[in-house]
Amino acid sequence: MENSIGKQVKRRSFLQGLATAAAASVIPVKKAQAFSFAKFFQKHYKEMDAEDKKSVFARIQKEAKEKYQRDVTISDPEVIEGVKFAYCLNLSTCNGSRKCVTACAEENNIDPQIGSYIKVLEMPIGSMNLEKGTKYYQGDSVPESGKFYMPVQCNHCDAPPCTKVCPVEATWKEKDGLVVVDYDWCIGCRYCQAACPYEARHFNFREPQLDRTKINTEQSYLSNRVRPKGVMEKCTFCLHRTRNKQYPACLEACPTGARKFGNILDEKSEVYQILKTKRVFVLKEELNTMPQFFYYFD
């Protein structure tokens, strides 16, 4: 990974002067302000040092101010040593209220076109066939008799197929188990969306249309900052919260306590105890993606 990125950097550095001159010669003057050379030649997240990040974060904050008239803060919480995040969900307890769906959208500044990184399937009791589930059910009447509810989101797999197919290495798995995206590096080819067997990646087809009064101004570069048009986005287990020792927004919004989140390496954590004492399962186990999102029944 590091070697390939290094090669890209050397090549980009070699061509940077020529490309800058060429770009300047073809961009109409009246559109020049819309083109950001700083963003175009920005380094990959893994290549940036503290000064690079400071400059990039300042640019993003300035752009947010200009577009939404809001003062946002872009942070970059670091990986916590000795932590590997995992999620557990009790299907016996989930009532299908979709409170998690709403909380996800609000916390992560998601465009209404995408809606949320979480979809909740209403399933017939006795079947685990996802094809028989529907996300188009009436939420004001749940839970329905004879049904159970299965929320689905990014599984943050230990062998994620999405990261393997990215041609520019814009998505990768961090040491704490989180699969992330550098939105400024993503080219929007959607290969990762095709590779994900859980339909957990979403393409931003338009400029985000957000209510400026409801924007979450506490943002992180790798998670809930407002994503531009033409890139892929996904659940990050609320990286900006969880790396600061808070729970994901979806967990805090759950009215039944069905969601459990924590450090799978900590024997005292709820998720460790659930995996030790419950009969857990993952979706599409036969694909060997090794999901870190586990389901169980009481």
Protein backbone atom coordinates (compact mmCIF):
# COMPACT_ATOMS: atom_id res chain seq x y z
CA MET A 1 0.00 0.00 0.00
CA GLU A 2 2.63 2.51 1.07
CA ASN A 3 4.89 1.62 -1.85
CA SER A 4 2.15 2.02 -4.43
CA ILE A 5 1.09 5.34 -2.96
CA GLY A 6 4.70 6.46 -2.95
CA LYS A 7 5.00 5.65 -6.65
CA GLN A 8 1.85 7.65 -7.36
CA VAL A 9 3.26 10.60 -5.45
CA LYS A 10 6.56 10.55 -7.36
CA ARG A 11 4.76 10.39 -10.67
CA ARG A 12 2.36 13.15 -9.65
CA SER A 13 5.22 15.34 -8.43
CA PHE A 14 7.04 14.84 -11.74
CA LEU A 15 4.00 15.90 -13.76
CA GLN A 16 2.62 18.51 -11.39
CA GLY A 17 4.25 21.54 -13.00
CA LEU A 18 3.16 20.53 -16.50
CA ALA A 19 -0.38 19.62 -15.37
CA THR A 20 -0.81 22.89 -13.52
CA ALA A 21 0.11 24.90 -16.57
CA ALA A 22 -2.11 22.81 -18.83
CA ALA A 23 -5.09 23.05 -16.48
CA ALA A 24 -4.70 26.80 -16.19
CA SER A 25 -4.69 27.16 -19.96
CA VAL A 26 -7.97 25.29 -20.54
CA ILE A 27 -10.10 26.40 -17.59
CA PRO A 28 -12.32 29.36 -18.54
CA VAL A 29 -11.57 32.47 -16.50
CA LYS A 30 -15.14 32.77 -15.27
CA LYS A 31 -14.96 29.24 -13.85
CA ALA A 32 -11.52 29.53 -12.34
CA GLN A 33 -12.83 30.18 -8.85
CA ALA A 34 -14.77 26.89 -8.92
CA PHE A 35 -11.58 24.94 -9.58
CA SER A 36 -9.32 24.30 -6.61
CA PHE A 37 -5.71 23.54 -7.49
CA ALA A 38 -5.07 22.81 -3.81
CA LYS A 39 -7.74 20.12 -3.82
CA PHE A 40 -6.75 18.76 -7.23
CA PHE A 41 -3.17 18.17 -6.15
CA GLN A 42 -3.99 17.24 -2.57
CA LYS A 43 -2.09 14.31 -1.10
CA HIS A 44 -3.66 11.02 -0.11
CA TYR A 45 -4.73 11.03 3.55
CA LYS A 46 -1.99 8.55 4.43
CA GLU A 47 0.64 10.82 2.91
CA MET A 48 -0.37 14.01 4.70
CA ASP A 49 1.65 15.31 7.62
CA ALA A 50 0.29 17.62 10.34
CA GLU A 51 0.84 20.76 8.26
CA ASP A 52 -0.82 19.23 5.22
CA LYS A 53 -3.86 18.27 7.29
CA LYS A 54 -4.05 21.72 8.84
CA SER A 55 -4.16 23.29 5.40
CA VAL A 56 -6.69 20.81 4.01
CA PHE A 57 -8.99 21.06 7.01
CA ALA A 58 -8.88 24.86 6.83
CA ARG A 59 -9.91 24.70 3.16
CA ILE A 60 -12.84 22.41 3.93
CA GLN A 61 -13.98 24.62 6.78
CA LYS A 62 -13.79 27.68 4.53
CA GLU A 63 -15.79 25.94 1.80
CA ALA A 64 -18.47 24.93 4.32
CA LYS A 65 -18.70 28.51 5.56
CA GLU A 66 -19.12 29.84 2.04
CA LYS A 67 -21.69 27.25 1.01
CA TYR A 68 -23.76 26.78 4.16
CA GLN A 69 -22.93 29.88 6.21
CA ARG A 70 -21.98 27.63 9.12
CA ASP A 71 -18.77 27.42 11.11
CA VAL A 72 -17.73 23.78 11.09
CA THR A 73 -14.84 22.05 12.82
CA ILE A 74 -12.91 19.36 10.95
CA SER A 75 -11.13 16.92 13.25
CA ASP A 76 -8.98 13.86 12.72
CA PRO A 77 -9.32 11.54 15.74
CA GLU A 78 -6.52 9.01 15.85
CA VAL A 79 -6.75 5.24 16.09
CA ILE A 80 -6.83 4.09 19.71
CA GLU A 81 -4.12 1.53 20.40
CA GLY A 82 -5.39 -1.87 21.53
CA VAL A 83 -8.90 -1.28 20.19
CA LYS A 84 -10.74 -3.17 17.46
CA PHE A 85 -14.34 -2.08 17.04
CA ALA A 86 -17.24 -4.49 16.56
CA TYR A 87 -21.02 -4.18 16.51
CA CYS A 88 -23.62 -6.62 17.82
CA LEU A 89 -27.37 -6.42 17.24
CA ASN A 90 -30.09 -8.31 19.09
CA LEU A 91 -32.78 -9.22 16.57
CA SER A 92 -35.09 -10.36 19.37
CA THR A 93 -35.17 -6.80 20.68
CA CYS A 94 -35.14 -4.59 17.56
CA ASN A 95 -38.66 -3.22 16.99
CA GLY A 96 -38.15 -1.72 13.54
CA SER A 97 -38.82 1.85 14.63
CA ARG A 98 -36.04 3.19 12.35
CA LYS A 99 -34.84 5.58 15.05
CA CYS A 100 -31.33 4.47 14.11
CA VAL A 101 -31.93 5.42 10.48
CA THR A 102 -32.91 8.97 11.40
CA ALA A 103 -30.05 9.38 13.88
CA CYS A 104 -27.55 8.18 11.27
CA ALA A 105 -28.73 10.74 8.71
CA GLU A 106 -28.64 13.63 11.17
CA GLU A 107 -25.27 12.75 12.68
CA ASN A 108 -23.51 12.19 9.38
CA ASN A 109 -24.89 15.07 7.29
CA ILE A 110 -26.38 12.71 4.71
CA ASP A 111 -28.13 14.09 1.65
CA PRO A 112 -31.86 13.18 1.57
CA GLN A 113 -31.27 11.48 -1.80
CA ILE A 114 -29.19 8.82 0.00
CA GLY A 115 -31.29 8.96 3.14
CA SER A 116 -29.17 6.97 5.58
CA TYR A 117 -26.34 4.47 5.77
CA ILE A 118 -28.73 2.07 7.54
CA LYS A 119 -31.66 0.20 6.04
CA VAL A 120 -34.05 -1.82 8.19
CA LEU A 121 -35.61 -4.92 6.64
CA GLU A 122 -38.94 -6.27 7.83
CA MET A 123 -38.57 -10.05 7.68
CA PRO A 124 -41.04 -12.92 8.11
CA ILE A 125 -40.33 -14.92 11.27
CA GLY A 126 -38.77 -18.24 10.34
CA SER A 127 -36.85 -16.99 7.31
CA MET A 128 -33.35 -15.54 6.97
CA ASN A 129 -33.74 -14.99 3.23
CA LEU A 130 -33.01 -11.30 2.73
CA GLU A 131 -34.87 -11.42 -0.58
CA LYS A 132 -38.08 -11.90 1.39
CA GLY A 133 -37.44 -8.79 3.45
CA THR A 134 -38.67 -5.30 2.65
CA LYS A 135 -37.52 -1.87 3.75
CA TYR A 136 -40.77 -0.29 2.56
CA TYR A 137 -42.97 -0.92 5.55
CA GLN A 138 -45.09 1.41 7.67
CA GLY A 139 -42.95 2.43 10.61
CA ASP A 140 -45.83 3.74 12.75
CA SER A 141 -47.31 0.27 13.22
CA VAL A 142 -44.23 -1.73 14.21
CA PRO A 143 -43.56 -4.29 15.39
CA GLU A 144 -45.96 -6.30 13.22
CA SER A 145 -47.08 -9.73 14.35
CA GLY A 146 -45.17 -12.50 12.60
CA LYS A 147 -42.31 -10.19 11.65
CA PHE A 148 -38.83 -9.38 12.90
CA TYR A 149 -36.57 -6.49 11.92
CA MET A 150 -33.01 -6.58 10.63
CA PRO A 151 -30.97 -3.36 10.32
CA VAL A 152 -28.22 -3.62 7.70
CA GLN A 153 -25.25 -1.29 7.26
CA CYS A 154 -21.51 -1.46 6.58
CA ASN A 155 -20.08 -4.61 8.17
CA HIS A 156 -16.50 -3.26 8.37
CA CYS A 157 -15.25 -6.62 7.19
CA ASP A 158 -11.81 -7.94 8.08
CA ALA A 159 -11.47 -9.04 4.43
CA PRO A 160 -13.36 -6.22 2.72
CA PRO A 161 -13.81 -6.78 -1.03
CA CYS A 162 -14.59 -3.07 -1.50
CA THR A 163 -11.07 -1.93 -0.64
CA LYS A 164 -9.45 -4.44 -2.97
CA VAL A 165 -11.13 -3.14 -6.11
CA CYS A 166 -10.51 0.59 -5.63
CA PRO A 167 -8.13 1.62 -8.44
CA VAL A 168 -6.79 4.66 -6.55
CA GLU A 169 -6.68 3.23 -3.01
CA ALA A 170 -9.19 5.78 -1.76
CA THR A 171 -10.68 3.29 0.69
CA TRP A 172 -8.92 1.06 3.22
CA LYS A 173 -9.23 -0.65 6.60
CA GLU A 174 -7.75 1.06 9.65
CA LYS A 175 -5.98 -0.70 12.53
CA ASP A 176 -9.04 -0.32 14.77
CA GLY A 177 -11.17 -2.23 12.27
CA LEU A 178 -12.91 0.71 10.60
CA VAL A 179 -13.19 0.79 6.82
CA VAL A 180 -12.85 4.41 5.71
CA VAL A 181 -12.85 6.56 2.56
CA ASP A 182 -10.73 9.56 1.63
CA TYR A 183 -13.51 11.49 -0.10
CA ASP A 184 -11.07 13.91 -1.72
CA TRP A 185 -9.17 11.01 -3.29
CA CYS A 186 -12.23 9.05 -4.47
CA ILE A 187 -12.83 9.24 -8.25
CA GLY A 188 -16.40 7.92 -8.08
CA CYS A 189 -15.89 4.85 -10.27
CA ARG A 190 -18.27 2.88 -8.01
CA TYR A 191 -16.21 -0.31 -8.20
CA CYS A 192 -16.43 -0.59 -4.40
CA GLN A 193 -20.22 -0.31 -4.57
CA ALA A 194 -20.35 -3.21 -7.00
CA ALA A 195 -17.97 -5.28 -4.85
CA CYS A 196 -19.85 -4.80 -1.55
CA PRO A 197 -22.23 -7.74 -0.97
CA TYR A 198 -24.15 -5.81 1.71
CA GLU A 199 -25.21 -2.83 -0.44
CA ALA A 200 -23.56 -0.60 2.15
CA ARG A 201 -21.90 1.91 -0.16
CA HIS A 202 -23.72 4.90 -1.59
CA PHE A 203 -22.93 7.19 -4.52
CA ASN A 204 -23.48 10.92 -4.23
CA PHE A 205 -25.18 11.78 -7.52
CA ARG A 206 -25.66 15.46 -6.73
CA GLU A 207 -24.38 18.32 -4.66
CA PRO A 208 -25.66 17.69 -1.12
CA GLN A 209 -28.90 19.52 -0.44
CA LEU A 210 -28.86 19.95 3.32
CA ASP A 211 -30.81 22.16 5.67
CA ARG A 212 -28.06 24.49 6.84
CA THR A 213 -29.73 24.89 10.25
CA LYS A 214 -29.50 21.14 10.87
CA ILE A 215 -25.94 20.51 9.76
CA ASN A 216 -23.82 18.74 12.35
CA THR A 217 -20.88 21.14 12.62
CA GLU A 218 -18.65 18.73 14.58
CA GLN A 219 -17.11 16.88 11.67
CA SER A 220 -14.23 14.56 10.86
CA TYR A 221 -12.21 14.30 7.68
CA LEU A 222 -12.77 10.55 7.34
CA SER A 223 -16.38 10.41 8.49
CA ASN A 224 -19.23 12.89 8.70
CA ARG A 225 -17.99 15.96 6.85
CA VAL A 226 -20.25 16.95 3.97
CA ARG A 227 -19.23 14.84 0.98
CA PRO A 228 -19.01 16.39 -2.50
CA LYS A 229 -20.91 15.28 -5.56
CA GLY A 230 -19.48 12.29 -7.39
CA VAL A 231 -17.95 10.27 -4.56
CA MET A 232 -18.80 7.12 -2.61
CA GLU A 233 -19.79 7.34 1.03
CA LYS A 234 -20.61 4.87 3.79
CA CYS A 235 -21.05 4.15 7.48
CA THR A 236 -17.89 4.65 9.54
CA PHE A 237 -19.34 3.48 12.88
CA CYS A 238 -19.39 7.23 13.64
CA LEU A 239 -15.60 7.36 13.71
CA HIS A 240 -15.66 10.95 14.96
CA ARG A 241 -17.55 9.73 18.03
CA THR A 242 -16.22 6.24 18.67
CA ARG A 243 -12.55 7.27 18.57
CA ASN A 244 -13.47 9.83 21.21
CA LYS A 245 -14.94 7.11 23.44
CA GLN A 246 -18.57 7.79 22.57
CA TYR A 247 -21.16 5.42 21.14
CA PRO A 248 -22.33 5.60 17.51
CA ALA A 249 -25.39 7.82 17.04
CA CYS A 250 -27.53 4.88 15.91
CA LEU A 251 -26.86 3.03 19.16
CA GLU A 252 -27.78 6.01 21.32
CA ALA A 253 -31.03 6.45 19.37
CA CYS A 254 -32.13 2.81 19.69
CA PRO A 255 -35.24 2.75 21.95
CA THR A 256 -34.92 -0.94 22.88
CA GLY A 257 -31.20 -1.38 23.58
CA ALA A 258 -30.84 -3.81 20.68
CA ARG A 259 -27.52 -2.33 19.60
CA LYS A 260 -24.21 -3.06 21.33
CA PHE A 261 -20.85 -1.62 20.34
CA GLY A 262 -17.35 -1.78 21.71
CA ASN A 263 -13.82 -3.15 21.70
CA ILE A 264 -13.80 -6.80 20.73
CA LEU A 265 -10.32 -7.16 22.27
CA ASP A 266 -11.55 -6.13 25.72
CA GLU A 267 -12.81 -9.13 27.69
CA LYS A 268 -14.98 -6.84 29.82
CA SER A 269 -16.78 -5.24 26.88
CA GLU A 270 -20.37 -6.09 26.00
CA VAL A 271 -19.48 -7.18 22.48
CA TYR A 272 -16.80 -9.57 23.74
CA GLN A 273 -19.24 -11.16 26.17
CA ILE A 274 -21.95 -11.43 23.53
CA LEU A 275 -19.63 -13.23 21.13
CA LYS A 276 -18.54 -15.50 23.95
CA THR A 277 -21.99 -16.41 25.28
CA LYS A 278 -24.47 -15.99 22.40
CA ARG A 279 -25.00 -17.89 19.18
CA VAL A 280 -24.06 -15.07 16.83
CA PHE A 281 -24.09 -15.06 13.05
CA VAL A 282 -23.05 -12.74 10.22
CA LEU A 283 -24.62 -12.03 6.87
CA LYS A 284 -23.37 -13.97 3.85
CA GLU A 285 -20.79 -15.91 5.84
CA GLU A 286 -20.04 -18.06 2.80
CA LEU A 287 -18.32 -15.11 1.10
CA ASN A 288 -15.52 -15.08 3.70
CA THR A 289 -15.56 -11.31 4.05
CA MET A 290 -15.31 -11.74 7.85
CA PRO A 291 -17.89 -9.10 8.88
CA GLN A 292 -17.46 -7.33 12.21
CA PHE A 293 -21.20 -6.72 12.50
CA PHE A 294 -22.79 -9.61 14.38
CA TYR A 295 -26.43 -10.59 14.85
CA TYR A 296 -28.02 -12.76 17.49
CA PHE A 297 -31.33 -13.79 19.03
CA ASP A 298 -32.04 -14.17 22.74
